Amino acid sequence: MTAPRSLAVNGRSYRWMDRPLVVVCVDGCEFDYVHQAVAAGVAPFLGRMLSGGAAFEADCANVAVVTAKDKLRALLGKGLAGICFSAEKADQATVAQNGIEGVLALAGKPLPSVYSADLSEFVFAAGVRLMERAPPDLMYLSTTDYVQHKAAPGSGADCSATIARLSKIDGVQLALSNADACARFELPADRLGEVIVIADRHVVLGKSRAHHDLSGLDAPLRSHGGISEQAVPLLFNRRTAGIPGKPRMRNFDV
């Protein structure tokens, strides 16, 4: 079947896509959020879009639609022949109503709380899986503004209460903020979360007991990355000379 050369919607004519197209709608996102994120160095891709002239201000197609809230899904999905479901009610998606079923398995995530940032993460995870499975011509992803309600542009998340609570849990050796952990262990800040948790020598961190089936193990479960495993051997196949007497060497000093 030959794809149409153009698409007319709302009085406008659009050139038909020559590759899969994803449209992401970030709920509650004024332009200052983008500028602040770029200035903070946490959104380099958006920074390249701004500097390269690929970012514009605008007033707020067979389409695959994934929304955070179900009330928006109901509005956008009215009369839509295709996939349209919400993260809020992903467990209730059916082929008859949403054009798809088994959404939790598709996204690889549990049903998120409607009052959490996990709702938006679910939207993106589902969108990625849809693109991998059967790319639509146009995908519309709509997030929740939960984060924007919690933090103003440029403000950082206050993790002190979370860190204090985690530090009191048996088996947790250390809980640190992103900045403190990266400074202490020389780690890349953009690759880590807001809170870094390190377990004791004989404790393995996991999501929950229900998410880890240990029945098939024939030896104790091990984890890596704890402070107890930080000291590693540096072995050379020849004598060395001129190595500075550094008080602390790292594996990358090899």
Protein backbone atom coordinates (compact mmCIF):
# COMPACT_ATOMS: atom_id res chain seq x y z
CA MET A 1 0.00 0.00 0.00
CA THR A 2 1.40 3.39 -1.03
CA ALA A 3 1.67 5.94 1.79
CA PRO A 4 -0.05 9.31 1.17
CA ARG A 5 2.22 12.19 0.15
CA SER A 6 0.65 14.62 2.59
CA LEU A 7 -1.74 14.80 5.52
CA ALA A 8 -4.34 17.54 6.07
CA VAL A 9 -5.31 18.21 9.71
CA ASN A 10 -6.95 21.29 11.25
CA GLY A 11 -6.65 23.28 8.05
CA ARG A 12 -2.95 22.55 7.61
CA SER A 13 -1.20 20.28 5.13
CA TYR A 14 1.76 18.22 6.42
CA ARG A 15 4.35 16.37 4.36
CA TRP A 16 4.06 12.65 5.09
CA MET A 17 6.87 11.32 7.29
CA ASP A 18 9.70 9.39 5.64
CA ARG A 19 10.70 7.83 8.99
CA PRO A 20 9.04 7.19 12.37
CA LEU A 21 8.23 10.44 14.17
CA VAL A 22 7.84 10.84 17.95
CA VAL A 23 6.16 13.89 19.49
CA VAL A 24 6.64 14.32 23.25
CA CYS A 25 4.31 16.66 25.16
CA VAL A 26 5.85 17.62 28.53
CA ASP A 27 2.98 18.75 30.73
CA GLY A 28 3.47 22.09 32.52
CA CYS A 29 6.82 22.78 30.86
CA GLU A 30 7.40 26.49 30.28
CA PHE A 31 10.51 27.44 28.29
CA ASP A 32 12.37 28.49 31.44
CA TYR A 33 12.47 24.86 32.61
CA VAL A 34 14.38 24.01 29.42
CA HIS A 35 16.78 26.95 29.74
CA GLN A 36 17.47 26.19 33.40
CA ALA A 37 18.11 22.50 32.68
CA VAL A 38 20.51 23.36 29.86
CA ALA A 39 22.32 25.93 32.03
CA ALA A 40 22.69 23.33 34.79
CA GLY A 41 24.32 20.92 32.33
CA VAL A 42 21.73 18.17 32.81
CA ALA A 43 20.11 18.42 29.37
CA PRO A 44 22.92 18.55 26.76
CA PHE A 45 20.71 17.25 23.95
CA LEU A 46 18.16 20.02 24.53
CA GLY A 47 21.07 22.47 24.62
CA ARG A 48 22.14 21.36 21.15
CA MET A 49 18.57 21.81 19.95
CA LEU A 50 18.45 25.36 21.32
CA SER A 51 21.81 26.38 19.85
CA GLY A 52 21.15 24.65 16.55
CA GLY A 53 17.86 26.39 15.85
CA ALA A 54 15.73 23.27 16.32
CA ALA A 55 13.71 24.69 19.23
CA PHE A 56 10.73 26.98 18.82
CA GLU A 57 8.02 28.48 20.98
CA ALA A 58 4.50 27.48 20.04
CA ASP A 59 0.95 27.45 21.37
CA CYS A 60 -0.03 24.54 22.97
CA ALA A 61 -0.70 10.74 11.23
CA ASN A 62 -1.83 7.64 12.31
CA VAL A 63 -0.89 8.16 15.89
CA ALA A 64 0.10 5.98 18.80
CA VAL A 65 -0.81 7.88 21.96
CA VAL A 66 0.54 7.27 25.46
CA THR A 67 -0.60 9.68 28.17
CA ALA A 68 0.17 9.90 31.87
CA LYS A 69 -3.40 10.60 33.04
CA ASP A 70 -6.36 8.63 31.77
CA LYS A 71 -8.65 11.67 31.43
CA LEU A 72 -6.39 13.00 28.65
CA ARG A 73 -6.30 9.56 27.04
CA ALA A 74 -10.10 9.60 26.90
CA LEU A 75 -10.09 12.96 25.12
CA LEU A 76 -7.31 12.22 22.63
CA GLY A 77 -8.46 8.68 21.97
CA LYS A 78 -12.02 9.57 20.99
CA GLY A 79 -12.50 8.26 17.46
CA LEU A 80 -8.83 7.27 17.15
CA ALA A 81 -8.23 4.04 15.26
CA GLY A 82 -4.97 2.88 16.77
CA ILE A 83 -3.09 2.53 20.03
CA CYS A 84 -4.08 4.91 22.82
CA PHE A 85 -3.58 4.15 26.51
CA SER A 86 -2.57 5.85 29.75
CA ALA A 87 0.10 5.02 32.30
CA GLU A 88 -2.49 5.61 35.03
CA LYS A 89 -4.65 2.68 33.85
CA ALA A 90 -2.10 0.69 31.91
CA ASP A 91 -3.20 -2.49 33.68
CA GLN A 92 -6.72 -2.09 32.27
CA ALA A 93 -5.77 -1.63 28.59
CA THR A 94 -7.66 -3.81 26.13
CA VAL A 95 -7.48 -4.24 22.39
CA ALA A 96 -11.12 -3.18 22.04
CA GLN A 97 -10.75 0.12 23.90
CA ASN A 98 -7.04 0.95 23.62
CA GLY A 99 -5.82 -0.95 20.57
CA ILE A 100 -3.39 -2.93 22.72
CA GLU A 101 -3.20 -5.18 25.76
CA GLY A 102 -0.43 -6.40 28.05
CA VAL A 103 0.93 -2.89 28.49
CA LEU A 104 2.68 -3.58 31.82
CA ALA A 105 4.65 -6.41 30.22
CA LEU A 106 5.37 -4.22 27.21
CA ALA A 107 6.82 -1.39 29.31
CA GLY A 108 8.59 -3.76 31.70
CA LYS A 109 7.45 -1.69 34.66
CA PRO A 110 4.84 -2.06 37.41
CA LEU A 111 1.74 0.13 37.44
CA PRO A 112 2.96 3.55 38.69
CA SER A 113 1.33 5.72 41.31
CA VAL A 114 -0.68 8.51 39.73
CA TYR A 115 1.01 10.96 42.13
CA SER A 116 4.65 10.28 41.25
CA ALA A 117 7.34 10.97 38.68
CA ASP A 118 7.14 7.25 37.85
CA LEU A 119 4.03 8.02 35.82
CA SER A 120 6.07 9.97 33.26
CA GLU A 121 8.85 7.37 33.28
CA PHE A 122 6.27 4.73 32.39
CA VAL A 123 5.10 6.84 29.43
CA PHE A 124 8.62 7.02 28.00
CA ALA A 125 9.36 3.33 28.65
CA ALA A 126 6.17 2.31 26.86
CA GLY A 127 6.96 4.67 23.98
CA VAL A 128 10.42 3.14 23.52
CA ARG A 129 9.00 -0.38 23.49
CA LEU A 130 6.33 0.57 20.96
CA MET A 131 9.01 2.01 18.65
CA GLU A 132 11.04 -1.19 18.97
CA ARG A 133 8.09 -3.49 18.38
CA ALA A 134 6.18 -1.82 15.54
CA PRO A 135 7.11 1.83 14.89
CA PRO A 136 4.04 3.99 14.19
CA ASP A 137 4.14 6.89 11.75
CA LEU A 138 3.53 9.36 14.56
CA MET A 139 3.74 8.88 18.32
CA TYR A 140 2.35 11.27 20.92
CA LEU A 141 3.68 11.00 24.50
CA SER A 142 2.22 13.19 27.25
CA THR A 143 3.78 13.35 30.72
CA THR A 144 2.49 14.47 34.10
CA ASP A 145 3.57 17.77 35.67
CA TYR A 146 4.25 16.12 39.04
CA VAL A 147 7.90 17.26 39.07
CA GLN A 148 7.00 20.83 38.07
CA HIS A 149 4.57 21.01 40.99
CA LYS A 150 7.36 19.92 43.33
CA ALA A 151 10.25 22.08 42.09
CA ALA A 152 10.65 25.49 40.46
CA PRO A 153 13.00 25.98 37.47
CA GLY A 154 16.60 25.77 38.62
CA SER A 155 15.77 24.38 42.04
CA GLY A 156 17.32 21.09 43.07
CA ALA A 157 15.51 18.29 44.80
CA ASP A 158 15.97 18.24 48.59
CA CYS A 159 17.13 14.72 49.29
CA SER A 160 18.27 15.28 52.87
CA ALA A 161 15.21 13.62 54.42
CA THR A 162 15.53 10.62 52.10
CA ILE A 163 19.24 10.28 52.83
CA ALA A 164 18.66 10.48 56.58
CA ARG A 165 15.96 7.79 56.40
CA LEU A 166 18.07 5.45 54.24
CA SER A 167 21.10 5.86 56.49
CA LYS A 168 19.15 4.32 59.39
CA ILE A 169 18.29 1.10 57.54
CA ASP A 170 20.19 -2.00 58.63
CA GLY A 171 22.59 -3.09 55.91
CA VAL A 172 23.08 0.39 54.43
CA GLN A 173 26.65 1.52 54.97
CA LEU A 174 26.34 4.90 53.30
CA ALA A 175 23.71 7.15 51.71
CA LEU A 176 24.93 10.30 49.97
CA SER A 177 23.67 13.02 47.68
CA ASN A 178 24.78 13.01 44.05
CA ALA A 179 27.27 15.82 44.63
CA ASP A 180 28.80 14.29 47.77
CA ALA A 181 29.09 10.80 46.30
CA CYS A 182 30.62 11.99 43.02
CA ALA A 183 33.16 14.15 44.87
CA ARG A 184 34.10 11.33 47.26
CA PHE A 185 34.34 8.51 44.74
CA GLU A 186 35.28 10.49 41.59
CA LEU A 187 32.14 9.48 39.70
CA PRO A 188 30.38 11.15 36.72
CA ALA A 189 27.46 13.14 38.10
CA ASP A 190 25.38 12.87 34.90
CA ARG A 191 25.35 9.07 35.10
CA LEU A 192 23.97 8.81 38.64
CA GLY A 193 20.73 9.62 40.44
CA GLU A 194 20.01 12.16 43.15
CA VAL A 195 20.81 9.70 45.96
CA ILE A 196 23.54 7.05 46.01
CA VAL A 197 23.17 4.13 48.45
CA ILE A 198 25.99 1.72 49.31
CA ALA A 199 25.38 -1.53 51.17
CA ASP A 200 27.42 -3.18 53.90
CA ARG A 201 29.88 -5.93 53.02
CA HIS A 202 27.39 -8.78 53.48
CA VAL A 203 24.26 -7.06 52.11
CA VAL A 204 22.97 -6.98 48.52
CA LEU A 205 20.66 -4.14 47.49
CA GLY A 206 17.55 -4.98 45.49
CA LYS A 207 14.14 -3.61 44.61
CA SER A 208 12.12 -5.87 46.89
CA ARG A 209 11.99 -9.53 47.93
CA ALA A 210 9.09 -10.13 45.53
CA HIS A 211 11.16 -8.96 42.54
CA HIS A 212 14.09 -11.34 43.14
CA ASP A 213 13.73 -15.11 42.82
CA LEU A 214 16.77 -16.62 44.53
CA SER A 215 15.52 -20.22 44.41
CA GLY A 216 17.76 -21.06 41.44
CA LEU A 217 21.01 -19.96 43.07
CA ASP A 218 23.53 -22.60 44.12
CA ALA A 219 25.70 -19.99 45.91
CA PRO A 220 25.04 -16.78 47.84
CA LEU A 221 23.98 -13.82 45.72
CA ARG A 222 26.78 -11.31 45.22
CA SER A 223 26.77 -7.66 44.33
CA HIS A 224 29.59 -5.35 43.27
CA GLY A 225 30.51 -1.77 43.94
CA GLY A 226 30.59 -1.61 47.73
CA ILE A 227 33.30 0.17 49.70
CA SER A 228 34.57 -3.20 50.91
CA GLU A 229 35.48 -4.03 47.29
CA GLN A 230 37.04 -0.67 46.47
CA ALA A 231 40.63 -1.81 47.03
CA VAL A 232 41.71 -3.70 43.89
CA PRO A 233 45.12 -5.14 42.88
CA LEU A 234 47.22 -3.47 40.18
CA LEU A 235 49.50 -6.19 38.75
CA PHE A 236 52.22 -5.63 36.13
CA ASN A 237 54.19 -8.16 34.06
CA ARG A 238 57.44 -6.21 34.53
CA ARG A 239 59.20 -4.19 37.18
CA THR A 240 57.98 -0.62 37.50
CA ALA A 241 59.91 2.54 38.25
CA GLY A 242 58.96 6.14 38.80
CA ILE A 243 55.46 5.53 40.10
CA PRO A 244 54.64 8.55 42.28
CA GLY A 245 54.06 7.86 45.93
CA LYS A 246 50.42 8.84 45.85
CA PRO A 247 48.54 8.37 49.12
CA ARG A 248 45.63 6.90 47.18
CA MET A 249 45.77 5.21 43.80
CA ARG A 250 42.83 4.37 41.56
CA ASN A 251 42.37 1.63 39.00
CA PHE A 252 42.63 4.19 36.20
CA ASP A 253 46.12 5.16 37.48
CA VAL A 254 47.34 2.01 35.72
